[in-house]
Amino acid sequence: MVAVLRAEAGRSPYDKGLTDLIGELSTRSEDFRTRWAAHNVHFHQTGAKQLHHPVVGDLDLTYEAMELPSDPGLTVLVYTAEPGSPSLDALNLLASWAATLDQQERAEHATEGA
């Protein structure tokens, strides 16, 4: 939590509300004061996540976080599955399912417009 506050304070150094919050936390918590003084900011730019999808079940995915320099505070996460893994098979099944639904929807709209 301190790392998130430190990053936000770096992005918005003149935010009075944020400055007041940090001041209040510093006066009320020895633990916060110590952590804040350490200046540690750690962001996970890559990692692994396990997600559960209601249709295909568990997915083991790796991710990479990419911050967008043109829009500070906005981060894009890209998830991938290992080649040949059950998670990749599940993602391919979801993609196929979504494409089928999209085709059906387009066909229905074309029929309605005729």
PDB file of N, CA and C in Angstrom:
ATOM      1  N   MET A   1       0.822  -1.192   0.000  1.00  0.00           N
ATOM      2  CA  MET A   1       0.000   0.000   0.000  1.00  0.00           C
ATOM      3  C   MET A   1       0.863   1.251   0.000  1.00  0.00           C
ATOM      4  N   VAL A   2       1.959   1.232   0.737  1.00  0.00           N
ATOM      5  CA  VAL A   2       2.843   2.394   0.782  1.00  0.00           C
ATOM      6  C   VAL A   2       3.431   2.646  -0.599  1.00  0.00           C
ATOM      7  N   ALA A   3       3.777   1.567  -1.320  1.00  0.00           N
ATOM      8  CA  ALA A   3       4.343   1.733  -2.664  1.00  0.00           C
ATOM      9  C   ALA A   3       3.337   2.398  -3.602  1.00  0.00           C
ATOM     10  N   VAL A   4       2.074   2.037  -3.472  1.00  0.00           N
ATOM     11  CA  VAL A   4       1.038   2.642  -4.311  1.00  0.00           C
ATOM     12  C   VAL A   4       0.903   4.131  -3.972  1.00  0.00           C
ATOM     13  N   LEU A   5       0.889   4.462  -2.698  1.00  0.00           N
ATOM     14  CA  LEU A   5       0.814   5.871  -2.293  1.00  0.00           C
ATOM     15  C   LEU A   5       2.037   6.649  -2.772  1.00  0.00           C
ATOM     16  N   ARG A   6       3.215   6.024  -2.657  1.00  0.00           N
ATOM     17  CA  ARG A   6       4.439   6.700  -3.094  1.00  0.00           C
ATOM     18  C   ARG A   6       4.396   6.957  -4.594  1.00  0.00           C
ATOM     19  N   ALA A   7       3.949   5.990  -5.364  1.00  0.00           N
ATOM     20  CA  ALA A   7       3.860   6.172  -6.814  1.00  0.00           C
ATOM     21  C   ALA A   7       2.868   7.283  -7.154  1.00  0.00           C
ATOM     22  N   GLU A   8       1.736   7.289  -6.482  1.00  0.00           N
ATOM     23  CA  GLU A   8       0.731   8.324  -6.743  1.00  0.00           C
ATOM     24  C   GLU A   8       1.242   9.690  -6.315  1.00  0.00           C
ATOM     25  N   ALA A   9       1.970   9.744  -5.210  1.00  0.00           N
ATOM     26  CA  ALA A   9       2.548  11.014  -4.757  1.00  0.00           C
ATOM     27  C   ALA A   9       3.567  11.526  -5.769  1.00  0.00           C
ATOM     28  N   GLY A  10       4.297  10.617  -6.407  1.00  0.00           N
ATOM     29  CA  GLY A  10       5.246  11.013  -7.444  1.00  0.00           C
ATOM     30  C   GLY A  10       4.545  11.554  -8.676  1.00  0.00           C
ATOM     31  N   ARG A  11       3.402  10.964  -9.008  1.00  0.00           N
ATOM     32  CA  ARG A  11       2.626  11.420 -10.174  1.00  0.00           C
ATOM     33  C   ARG A  11       1.894  12.722  -9.894  1.00  0.00           C
ATOM     34  N   SER A  12       1.479  12.907  -8.641  1.00  0.00           N
ATOM     35  CA  SER A  12       0.663  14.077  -8.279  1.00  0.00           C
ATOM     36  C   SER A  12       1.254  14.769  -7.047  1.00  0.00           C
ATOM     37  N   PRO A  13       2.429  15.380  -7.190  1.00  0.00           N
ATOM     38  CA  PRO A  13       3.097  15.941  -6.017  1.00  0.00           C
ATOM     39  C   PRO A  13       2.362  17.122  -5.371  1.00  0.00           C
ATOM     40  N   TYR A  14       1.435  17.744  -6.077  1.00  0.00           N
ATOM     41  CA  TYR A  14       0.726  18.907  -5.523  1.00  0.00           C
ATOM     42  C   TYR A  14      -0.705  18.588  -5.104  1.00  0.00           C
ATOM     43  N   ASP A  15      -1.031  17.298  -5.004  1.00  0.00           N
ATOM     44  CA  ASP A  15      -2.374  16.872  -4.594  1.00  0.00           C
ATOM     45  C   ASP A  15      -2.490  17.060  -3.071  1.00  0.00           C
ATOM     46  N   LYS A  16      -3.223  18.085  -2.665  1.00  0.00           N
ATOM     47  CA  LYS A  16      -3.330  18.424  -1.239  1.00  0.00           C
ATOM     48  C   LYS A  16      -3.966  17.298  -0.433  1.00  0.00           C
ATOM     49  N   GLY A  17      -5.005  16.683  -0.969  1.00  0.00           N
ATOM     50  CA  GLY A  17      -5.659  15.597  -0.249  1.00  0.00           C
ATOM     51  C   GLY A  17      -4.715  14.433   0.003  1.00  0.00           C
ATOM     52  N   LEU A  18      -3.919  14.098  -1.003  1.00  0.00           N
ATOM     53  CA  LEU A  18      -2.955  13.009  -0.860  1.00  0.00           C
ATOM     54  C   LEU A  18      -1.859  13.384   0.134  1.00  0.00           C
ATOM     55  N   THR A  19      -1.376  14.602   0.039  1.00  0.00           N
ATOM     56  CA  THR A  19      -0.353  15.074   0.976  1.00  0.00           C
ATOM     57  C   THR A  19      -0.880  15.060   2.407  1.00  0.00           C
ATOM     58  N   ASP A  20      -2.112  15.501   2.585  1.00  0.00           N
ATOM     59  CA  ASP A  20      -2.716  15.485   3.926  1.00  0.00           C
ATOM     60  C   ASP A  20      -2.850  14.059   4.458  1.00  0.00           C
ATOM     61  N   LEU A  21      -3.269  13.135   3.594  1.00  0.00           N
ATOM     62  CA  LEU A  21      -3.411  11.737   4.006  1.00  0.00           C
ATOM     63  C   LEU A  21      -2.070  11.166   4.443  1.00  0.00           C
ATOM     64  N   ILE A  22      -1.030  11.405   3.656  1.00  0.00           N
ATOM     65  CA  ILE A  22       0.297  10.889   3.996  1.00  0.00           C
ATOM     66  C   ILE A  22       0.778  11.492   5.315  1.00  0.00           C
ATOM     67  N   GLY A  23       0.519  12.792   5.504  1.00  0.00           N
ATOM     68  CA  GLY A  23       0.890  13.438   6.764  1.00  0.00           C
ATOM     69  C   GLY A  23       0.171  12.830   7.944  1.00  0.00           C
ATOM     70  N   GLU A  24      -1.126  12.594   7.783  1.00  0.00           N
ATOM     71  CA  GLU A  24      -1.903  12.007   8.877  1.00  0.00           C
ATOM     72  C   GLU A  24      -1.436  10.590   9.195  1.00  0.00           C
ATOM     73  N   LEU A  25      -1.220   9.792   8.157  1.00  0.00           N
ATOM     74  CA  LEU A  25      -0.749   8.420   8.381  1.00  0.00           C
ATOM     75  C   LEU A  25       0.618   8.426   9.064  1.00  0.00           C
ATOM     76  N   SER A  26       1.463   9.373   8.669  1.00  0.00           N
ATOM     77  CA  SER A  26       2.805   9.463   9.260  1.00  0.00           C
ATOM     78  C   SER A  26       2.760   9.812  10.742  1.00  0.00           C
ATOM     79  N   THR A  27       1.812  10.648  11.119  1.00  0.00           N
ATOM     80  CA  THR A  27       1.739  11.034  12.535  1.00  0.00           C
ATOM     81  C   THR A  27       1.065   9.970  13.388  1.00  0.00           C
ATOM     82  N   ARG A  28       0.251   9.114  12.783  1.00  0.00           N
ATOM     83  CA  ARG A  28      -0.507   8.135  13.568  1.00  0.00           C
ATOM     84  C   ARG A  28       0.071   6.724  13.563  1.00  0.00           C
ATOM     85  N   SER A  29       1.003   6.446  12.632  1.00  0.00           N
ATOM     86  CA  SER A  29       1.476   5.066  12.515  1.00  0.00           C
ATOM     87  C   SER A  29       2.997   5.008  12.390  1.00  0.00           C
ATOM     88  N   GLU A  30       3.616   4.405  13.371  1.00  0.00           N
ATOM     89  CA  GLU A  30       5.071   4.205  13.337  1.00  0.00           C
ATOM     90  C   GLU A  30       5.449   3.310  12.163  1.00  0.00           C
ATOM     91  N   ASP A  31       4.646   2.268  11.925  1.00  0.00           N
ATOM     92  CA  ASP A  31       4.907   1.350  10.820  1.00  0.00           C
ATOM     93  C   ASP A  31       4.863   2.101   9.477  1.00  0.00           C
ATOM     94  N   PHE A  32       3.837   2.917   9.284  1.00  0.00           N
ATOM     95  CA  PHE A  32       3.739   3.683   8.039  1.00  0.00           C
ATOM     96  C   PHE A  32       4.933   4.625   7.906  1.00  0.00           C
ATOM     97  N   ARG A  33       5.275   5.323   8.981  1.00  0.00           N
ATOM     98  CA  ARG A  33       6.390   6.272   8.959  1.00  0.00           C
ATOM     99  C   ARG A  33       7.677   5.575   8.527  1.00  0.00           C
ATOM    100  N   THR A  34       7.922   4.386   9.072  1.00  0.00           N
ATOM    101  CA  THR A  34       9.127   3.622   8.738  1.00  0.00           C
ATOM    102  C   THR A  34       9.112   3.189   7.278  1.00  0.00           C
ATOM    103  N   ARG A  35       7.976   2.676   6.837  1.00  0.00           N
ATOM    104  CA  ARG A  35       7.877   2.233   5.442  1.00  0.00           C
ATOM    105  C   ARG A  35       7.988   3.403   4.472  1.00  0.00           C
ATOM    106  N   TRP A  36       7.355   4.516   4.822  1.00  0.00           N
ATOM    107  CA  TRP A  36       7.399   5.695   3.947  1.00  0.00           C
ATOM    108  C   TRP A  36       8.841   6.196   3.829  1.00  0.00           C
ATOM    109  N   ALA A  37       9.570   6.196   4.921  1.00  0.00           N
ATOM    110  CA  ALA A  37      10.957   6.682   4.922  1.00  0.00           C
ATOM    111  C   ALA A  37      11.883   5.771   4.122  1.00  0.00           C
ATOM    112  N   ALA A  38      11.517   4.493   3.957  1.00  0.00           N
ATOM    113  CA  ALA A  38      12.357   3.542   3.225  1.00  0.00           C
ATOM    114  C   ALA A  38      12.365   3.809   1.722  1.00  0.00           C
ATOM    115  N   HIS A  39      11.376   4.526   1.209  1.00  0.00           N
ATOM    116  CA  HIS A  39      11.280   4.879  -0.221  1.00  0.00           C
ATOM    117  C   HIS A  39      11.229   3.657  -1.139  1.00  0.00           C
ATOM    118  N   ASN A  40      10.702   2.546  -0.659  1.00  0.00           N
ATOM    119  CA  ASN A  40      10.599   1.346  -1.488  1.00  0.00           C
ATOM    120  C   ASN A  40       9.366   1.420  -2.379  1.00  0.00           C
ATOM    121  N   VAL A  41       9.587   1.284  -3.661  1.00  0.00           N
ATOM    122  CA  VAL A  41       8.482   1.211  -4.610  1.00  0.00           C
ATOM    123  C   VAL A  41       8.751   0.002  -5.491  1.00  0.00           C
ATOM    124  N   HIS A  42       7.902  -1.000  -5.379  1.00  0.00           N
ATOM    125  CA  HIS A  42       8.061  -2.220  -6.171  1.00  0.00           C
ATOM    126  C   HIS A  42       6.787  -2.453  -6.973  1.00  0.00           C
ATOM    127  N   PHE A  43       6.940  -2.554  -8.260  1.00  0.00           N
ATOM    128  CA  PHE A  43       5.795  -2.864  -9.117  1.00  0.00           C
ATOM    129  C   PHE A  43       6.069  -4.182  -9.811  1.00  0.00           C
ATOM    130  N   HIS A  44       5.080  -5.000  -9.847  1.00  0.00           N
ATOM    131  CA  HIS A  44       5.193  -6.269 -10.552  1.00  0.00           C
ATOM    132  C   HIS A  44       4.895  -6.013 -12.029  1.00  0.00           C
ATOM    133  N   GLN A  45       5.936  -6.060 -12.848  1.00  0.00           N
ATOM    134  CA  GLN A  45       5.763  -5.834 -14.280  1.00  0.00           C
ATOM    135  C   GLN A  45       5.472  -7.138 -15.020  1.00  0.00           C
ATOM    136  N   THR A  46       5.853  -8.243 -14.418  1.00  0.00           N
ATOM    137  CA  THR A  46       5.575  -9.555 -15.001  1.00  0.00           C
ATOM    138  C   THR A  46       5.212 -10.497 -13.869  1.00  0.00           C
ATOM    139  N   GLY A  47       4.522 -11.563 -14.215  1.00  0.00           N
ATOM    140  CA  GLY A  47       4.172 -12.526 -13.185  1.00  0.00           C
ATOM    141  C   GLY A  47       3.250 -13.598 -13.724  1.00  0.00           C
ATOM    142  N   ALA A  48       2.680 -14.348 -12.816  1.00  0.00           N
ATOM    143  CA  ALA A  48       1.766 -15.433 -13.165  1.00  0.00           C
ATOM    144  C   ALA A  48       0.476 -15.255 -12.375  1.00  0.00           C
ATOM    145  N   LYS A  49      -0.618 -15.575 -13.012  1.00  0.00           N
ATOM    146  CA  LYS A  49      -1.938 -15.496 -12.363  1.00  0.00           C
ATOM    147  C   LYS A  49      -2.706 -16.769 -12.674  1.00  0.00           C
ATOM    148  N   GLN A  50      -3.500 -17.175 -11.710  1.00  0.00           N
ATOM    149  CA  GLN A  50      -4.442 -18.260 -11.961  1.00  0.00           C
ATOM    150  C   GLN A  50      -5.833 -17.640 -11.878  1.00  0.00           C
ATOM    151  N   LEU A  51      -6.585 -17.793 -12.951  1.00  0.00           N
ATOM    152  CA  LEU A  51      -7.936 -17.260 -13.029  1.00  0.00           C
ATOM    153  C   LEU A  51      -8.905 -18.412 -13.214  1.00  0.00           C
ATOM    154  N   HIS A  52     -10.135 -18.195 -12.815  1.00  0.00           N
ATOM    155  CA  HIS A  52     -11.170 -19.204 -13.037  1.00  0.00           C
ATOM    156  C   HIS A  52     -12.251 -18.600 -13.925  1.00  0.00           C
ATOM    157  N   HIS A  53     -12.476 -19.228 -15.073  1.00  0.00           N
ATOM    158  CA  HIS A  53     -13.516 -18.784 -15.994  1.00  0.00           C
ATOM    159  C   HIS A  53     -14.708 -19.730 -15.849  1.00  0.00           C
ATOM    160  N   PRO A  54     -15.927 -19.190 -15.794  1.00  0.00           N
ATOM    161  CA  PRO A  54     -17.093 -20.046 -15.560  1.00  0.00           C
ATOM    162  C   PRO A  54     -17.361 -21.065 -16.667  1.00  0.00           C
ATOM    163  N   VAL A  55     -16.849 -20.831 -17.863  1.00  0.00           N
ATOM    164  CA  VAL A  55     -17.103 -21.769 -18.968  1.00  0.00           C
ATOM    165  C   VAL A  55     -15.980 -22.789 -19.118  1.00  0.00           C
ATOM    166  N   VAL A  56     -14.717 -22.331 -19.083  1.00  0.00           N
ATOM    167  CA  VAL A  56     -13.602 -23.245 -19.363  1.00  0.00           C
ATOM    168  C   VAL A  56     -12.787 -23.635 -18.137  1.00  0.00           C
ATOM    169  N   GLY A  57     -13.118 -23.085 -16.987  1.00  0.00           N
ATOM    170  CA  GLY A  57     -12.432 -23.487 -15.761  1.00  0.00           C
ATOM    171  C   GLY A  57     -11.171 -22.697 -15.473  1.00  0.00           C
ATOM    172  N   ASP A  58     -10.205 -23.368 -14.831  1.00  0.00           N
ATOM    173  CA  ASP A  58      -8.985 -22.704 -14.385  1.00  0.00           C
ATOM    174  C   ASP A  58      -8.050 -22.400 -15.545  1.00  0.00           C
ATOM    175  N   LEU A  59      -7.462 -21.216 -15.488  1.00  0.00           N
ATOM    176  CA  LEU A  59      -6.490 -20.776 -16.488  1.00  0.00           C
ATOM    177  C   LEU A  59      -5.217 -20.354 -15.771  1.00  0.00           C
ATOM    178  N   ASP A  60      -4.085 -20.923 -16.177  1.00  0.00           N
ATOM    179  CA  ASP A  60      -2.781 -20.505 -15.663  1.00  0.00           C
ATOM    180  C   ASP A  60      -2.148 -19.619 -16.727  1.00  0.00           C
ATOM    181  N   LEU A  61      -1.999 -18.326 -16.411  1.00  0.00           N
ATOM    182  CA  LEU A  61      -1.534 -17.360 -17.393  1.00  0.00           C
ATOM    183  C   LEU A  61      -0.341 -16.587 -16.861  1.00  0.00           C
ATOM    184  N   THR A  62       0.528 -16.171 -17.759  1.00  0.00           N
ATOM    185  CA  THR A  62       1.583 -15.233 -17.400  1.00  0.00           C
ATOM    186  C   THR A  62       1.126 -13.863 -17.880  1.00  0.00           C
ATOM    187  N   TYR A  63       1.645 -12.815 -17.237  1.00  0.00           N
ATOM    188  CA  TYR A  63       1.247 -11.474 -17.651  1.00  0.00           C
ATOM    189  C   TYR A  63       2.444 -10.547 -17.710  1.00  0.00           C
ATOM    190  N   GLU A  64       2.255  -9.486 -18.480  1.00  0.00           N
ATOM    191  CA  GLU A  64       3.223  -8.403 -18.545  1.00  0.00           C
ATOM    192  C   GLU A  64       2.445  -7.105 -18.451  1.00  0.00           C
ATOM    193  N   ALA A  65       2.892  -6.213 -17.592  1.00  0.00           N
ATOM    194  CA  ALA A  65       2.250  -4.915 -17.419  1.00  0.00           C
ATOM    195  C   ALA A  65       3.039  -3.877 -18.203  1.00  0.00           C
ATOM    196  N   MET A  66       2.320  -3.058 -18.963  1.00  0.00           N
ATOM    197  CA  MET A  66       2.956  -2.012 -19.751  1.00  0.00           C
ATOM    198  C   MET A  66       2.293  -0.683 -19.428  1.00  0.00           C
ATOM    199  N   GLU A  67       3.075   0.218 -18.858  1.00  0.00           N
ATOM    200  CA  GLU A  67       2.545   1.539 -18.553  1.00  0.00           C
ATOM    201  C   GLU A  67       2.569   2.377 -19.828  1.00  0.00           C
ATOM    202  N   LEU A  68       1.542   3.189 -20.006  1.00  0.00           N
ATOM    203  CA  LEU A  68       1.441   4.022 -21.194  1.00  0.00           C
ATOM    204  C   LEU A  68       1.973   5.423 -20.871  1.00  0.00           C
ATOM    205  N   PRO A  69       3.124   5.769 -21.413  1.00  0.00           N
ATOM    206  CA  PRO A  69       3.725   7.063 -21.089  1.00  0.00           C
ATOM    207  C   PRO A  69       2.833   8.247 -21.459  1.00  0.00           C
ATOM    208  N   SER A  70       2.014   8.097 -22.478  1.00  0.00           N
ATOM    209  CA  SER A  70       1.158   9.204 -22.902  1.00  0.00           C
ATOM    210  C   SER A  70      -0.035   9.407 -21.980  1.00  0.00           C
ATOM    211  N   ASP A  71      -0.310   8.418 -21.105  1.00  0.00           N
ATOM    212  CA  ASP A  71      -1.451   8.522 -20.191  1.00  0.00           C
ATOM    213  C   ASP A  71      -1.025   8.017 -18.814  1.00  0.00           C
ATOM    214  N   PRO A  72      -0.346   8.850 -18.037  1.00  0.00           N
ATOM    215  CA  PRO A  72       0.160   8.410 -16.730  1.00  0.00           C
ATOM    216  C   PRO A  72      -0.942   7.801 -15.861  1.00  0.00           C
ATOM    217  N   GLY A  73      -0.603   6.689 -15.233  1.00  0.00           N
ATOM    218  CA  GLY A  73      -1.557   6.008 -14.378  1.00  0.00           C
ATOM    219  C   GLY A  73      -2.326   4.912 -15.092  1.00  0.00           C
ATOM    220  N   LEU A  74      -2.223   4.867 -16.422  1.00  0.00           N
ATOM    221  CA  LEU A  74      -2.926   3.835 -17.184  1.00  0.00           C
ATOM    222  C   LEU A  74      -1.937   2.734 -17.534  1.00  0.00           C
ATOM    223  N   THR A  75      -2.298   1.510 -17.192  1.00  0.00           N
ATOM    224  CA  THR A  75      -1.447   0.352 -17.449  1.00  0.00           C
ATOM    225  C   THR A  75      -2.237  -0.694 -18.212  1.00  0.00           C
ATOM    226  N   VAL A  76      -1.610  -1.268 -19.225  1.00  0.00           N
ATOM    227  CA  VAL A  76      -2.221  -2.349 -19.993  1.00  0.00           C
ATOM    228  C   VAL A  76      -1.584  -3.657 -19.532  1.00  0.00           C
ATOM    229  N   LEU A  77      -2.417  -4.640 -19.217  1.00  0.00           N
ATOM    230  CA  LEU A  77      -1.928  -5.964 -18.847  1.00  0.00           C
ATOM    231  C   LEU A  77      -2.189  -6.914 -20.004  1.00  0.00           C
ATOM    232  N   VAL A  78      -1.148  -7.649 -20.397  1.00  0.00           N
ATOM    233  CA  VAL A  78      -1.265  -8.630 -21.471  1.00  0.00           C
ATOM    234  C   VAL A  78      -1.067 -10.004 -20.849  1.00  0.00           C
ATOM    235  N   TYR A  79      -2.063 -10.874 -21.025  1.00  0.00           N
ATOM    236  CA  TYR A  79      -2.010 -12.229 -20.483  1.00  0.00           C
ATOM    237  C   TYR A  79      -1.772 -13.224 -21.607  1.00  0.00           C
ATOM    238  N   THR A  80      -0.921 -14.212 -21.356  1.00  0.00           N
ATOM    239  CA  THR A  80      -0.658 -15.263 -22.341  1.00  0.00           C
ATOM    240  C   THR A  80      -0.632 -16.617 -21.634  1.00  0.00           C
ATOM    241  N   ALA A  81      -0.864 -17.646 -22.428  1.00  0.00           N
ATOM    242  CA  ALA A  81      -0.797 -19.019 -21.921  1.00  0.00           C
ATOM    243  C   ALA A  81       0.390 -19.714 -22.572  1.00  0.00           C
ATOM    244  N   GLU A  82       0.959 -20.659 -21.865  1.00  0.00           N
ATOM    245  CA  GLU A  82       2.080 -21.423 -22.400  1.00  0.00           C
ATOM    246  C   GLU A  82       1.630 -22.220 -23.626  1.00  0.00           C
ATOM    247  N   PRO A  83       2.446 -22.257 -24.687  1.00  0.00           N
ATOM    248  CA  PRO A  83       2.097 -23.061 -25.860  1.00  0.00           C
ATOM    249  C   PRO A  83       1.868 -24.524 -25.475  1.00  0.00           C
ATOM    250  N   GLY A  84       0.811 -25.108 -26.037  1.00  0.00           N
ATOM    251  CA  GLY A  84       0.507 -26.515 -25.799  1.00  0.00           C
ATOM    252  C   GLY A  84      -0.110 -26.818 -24.442  1.00  0.00           C
ATOM    253  N   SER A  85      -0.386 -25.797 -23.648  1.00  0.00           N
ATOM    254  CA  SER A  85      -0.929 -26.019 -22.303  1.00  0.00           C
ATOM    255  C   SER A  85      -2.456 -26.136 -22.326  1.00  0.00           C
ATOM    256  N   PRO A  86      -3.026 -26.741 -21.291  1.00  0.00           N
ATOM    257  CA  PRO A  86      -4.482 -26.773 -21.183  1.00  0.00           C
ATOM    258  C   PRO A  86      -5.082 -25.360 -21.151  1.00  0.00           C
ATOM    259  N   SER A  87      -4.355 -24.404 -20.594  1.00  0.00           N
ATOM    260  CA  SER A  87      -4.852 -23.025 -20.561  1.00  0.00           C
ATOM    261  C   SER A  87      -4.946 -22.443 -21.972  1.00  0.00           C
ATOM    262  N   LEU A  88      -3.974 -22.755 -22.822  1.00  0.00           N
ATOM    263  CA  LEU A  88      -4.041 -22.274 -24.205  1.00  0.00           C
ATOM    264  C   LEU A  88      -5.223 -22.918 -24.921  1.00  0.00           C
ATOM    265  N   ASP A  89      -5.439 -24.201 -24.698  1.00  0.00           N
ATOM    266  CA  ASP A  89      -6.598 -24.874 -25.290  1.00  0.00           C
ATOM    267  C   ASP A  89      -7.903 -24.211 -24.836  1.00  0.00           C
ATOM    268  N   ALA A  90      -7.971 -23.869 -23.551  1.00  0.00           N
ATOM    269  CA  ALA A  90      -9.174 -23.231 -23.010  1.00  0.00           C
ATOM    270  C   ALA A  90      -9.376 -21.844 -23.625  1.00  0.00           C
ATOM    271  N   LEU A  91      -8.304 -21.077 -23.788  1.00  0.00           N
ATOM    272  CA  LEU A  91      -8.420 -19.759 -24.413  1.00  0.00           C
ATOM    273  C   LEU A  91      -8.847 -19.875 -25.874  1.00  0.00           C
ATOM    274  N   ASN A  92      -8.314 -20.867 -26.571  1.00  0.00           N
ATOM    275  CA  ASN A  92      -8.723 -21.089 -27.969  1.00  0.00           C
ATOM    276  C   ASN A  92     -10.197 -21.468 -28.050  1.00  0.00           C
ATOM    277  N   LEU A  93     -10.659 -22.273 -27.111  1.00  0.00           N
ATOM    278  CA  LEU A  93     -12.075 -22.637 -27.069  1.00  0.00           C
ATOM    279  C   LEU A  93     -12.935 -21.393 -26.846  1.00  0.00           C
ATOM    280  N   LEU A  94     -12.517 -20.531 -25.918  1.00  0.00           N
ATOM    281  CA  LEU A  94     -13.257 -19.288 -25.668  1.00  0.00           C
ATOM    282  C   LEU A  94     -13.269 -18.391 -26.911  1.00  0.00           C
ATOM    283  N   ALA A  95     -12.146 -18.293 -27.595  1.00  0.00           N
ATOM    284  CA  ALA A  95     -12.071 -17.467 -28.803  1.00  0.00           C
ATOM    285  C   ALA A  95     -13.005 -18.011 -29.875  1.00  0.00           C
ATOM    286  N   SER A  96     -13.020 -19.316 -30.034  1.00  0.00           N
ATOM    287  CA  SER A  96     -13.898 -19.948 -31.019  1.00  0.00           C
ATOM    288  C   SER A  96     -15.361 -19.721 -30.666  1.00  0.00           C
ATOM    289  N   TRP A  97     -15.680 -19.867 -29.395  1.00  0.00           N
ATOM    290  CA  TRP A  97     -17.047 -19.672 -28.902  1.00  0.00           C
ATOM    291  C   TRP A  97     -17.491 -18.234 -29.147  1.00  0.00           C
ATOM    292  N   ALA A  98     -16.609 -17.277 -28.821  1.00  0.00           N
ATOM    293  CA  ALA A  98     -16.944 -15.861 -29.015  1.00  0.00           C
ATOM    294  C   ALA A  98     -17.124 -15.542 -30.490  1.00  0.00           C
ATOM    295  N   ALA A  99     -16.280 -16.124 -31.347  1.00  0.00           N
ATOM    296  CA  ALA A  99     -16.403 -15.879 -32.786  1.00  0.00           C
ATOM    297  C   ALA A  99     -17.712 -16.450 -33.319  1.00  0.00           C
ATOM    298  N   THR A 100     -18.108 -17.607 -32.829  1.00  0.00           N
ATOM    299  CA  THR A 100     -19.376 -18.220 -33.243  1.00  0.00           C
ATOM    300  C   THR A 100     -20.552 -17.343 -32.833  1.00  0.00           C
ATOM    301  N   LEU A 101     -20.535 -16.857 -31.608  1.00  0.00           N
ATOM    302  CA  LEU A 101     -21.608 -15.977 -31.136  1.00  0.00           C
ATOM    303  C   LEU A 101     -21.654 -14.694 -31.960  1.00  0.00           C
ATOM    304  N   ASP A 102     -20.489 -14.144 -32.294  1.00  0.00           N
ATOM    305  CA  ASP A 102     -20.415 -12.918 -33.084  1.00  0.00           C
ATOM    306  C   ASP A 102     -20.988 -13.158 -34.484  1.00  0.00           C
ATOM    307  N   GLN A 103     -20.662 -14.280 -35.083  1.00  0.00           N
ATOM    308  CA  GLN A 103     -21.192 -14.611 -36.417  1.00  0.00           C
ATOM    309  C   GLN A 103     -22.703 -14.762 -36.370  1.00  0.00           C
ATOM    310  N   GLN A 104     -23.213 -15.414 -35.335  1.00  0.00           N
ATOM    311  CA  GLN A 104     -24.661 -15.584 -35.203  1.00  0.00           C
ATOM    312  C   GLN A 104     -25.352 -14.239 -35.048  1.00  0.00           C
ATOM    313  N   GLU A 105     -24.750 -13.363 -34.263  1.00  0.00           N
ATOM    314  CA  GLU A 105     -25.314 -12.036 -34.034  1.00  0.00           C
ATOM    315  C   GLU A 105     -25.353 -11.240 -35.334  1.00  0.00           C
ATOM    316  N   ARG A 106     -24.268 -11.293 -36.109  1.00  0.00           N
ATOM    317  CA  ARG A 106     -24.235 -10.578 -37.392  1.00  0.00           C
ATOM    318  C   ARG A 106     -25.267 -11.132 -38.363  1.00  0.00           C
ATOM    319  N   ALA A 107     -25.429 -12.453 -38.368  1.00  0.00           N
ATOM    320  CA  ALA A 107     -26.412 -13.078 -39.251  1.00  0.00           C
ATOM    321  C   ALA A 107     -27.836 -12.659 -38.862  1.00  0.00           C
ATOM    322  N   GLU A 108     -28.106 -12.588 -37.559  1.00  0.00           N
ATOM    323  CA  GLU A 108     -29.426 -12.153 -37.092  1.00  0.00           C
ATOM    324  C   GLU A 108     -29.698 -10.706 -37.475  1.00  0.00           C
ATOM    325  N   HIS A 109     -28.706  -9.836 -37.352  1.00  0.00           N
ATOM    326  CA  HIS A 109     -28.893  -8.431 -37.719  1.00  0.00           C
ATOM    327  C   HIS A 109     -29.092  -8.284 -39.231  1.00  0.00           C
ATOM    328  N   ALA A 110     -28.409  -9.115 -40.000  1.00  0.00           N
ATOM    329  CA  ALA A 110     -28.560  -9.046 -41.461  1.00  0.00           C
ATOM    330  C   ALA A 110     -29.963  -9.497 -41.864  1.00  0.00           C
ATOM    331  N   THR A 111     -30.483 -10.517 -41.172  1.00  0.00           N
ATOM    332  CA  THR A 111     -31.829 -11.014 -41.465  1.00  0.00           C
ATOM    333  C   THR A 111     -32.878  -9.986 -41.081  1.00  0.00           C
ATOM    334  N   GLU A 112     -32.672  -9.313 -39.957  1.00  0.00           N
ATOM    335  CA  GLU A 112     -33.628  -8.302 -39.506  1.00  0.00           C
ATOM    336  C   GLU A 112     -33.669  -7.109 -40.466  1.00  0.00           C
ATOM    337  N   GLY A 113     -32.537  -6.774 -41.052  1.00  0.00           N
ATOM    338  CA  GLY A 113     -32.463  -5.632 -41.946  1.00  0.00           C
ATOM    339  C   GLY A 113     -32.963  -5.921 -43.345  1.00  0.00           C
ATOM    340  N   ALA A 114     -33.172  -7.176 -43.657  1.00  0.00           N
ATOM    341  CA  ALA A 114     -33.597  -7.547 -45.033  1.00  0.00           C
ATOM    342  C   ALA A 114     -35.081  -7.400 -45.229  1.00  0.00           C
TER     343      ALA A 114
END
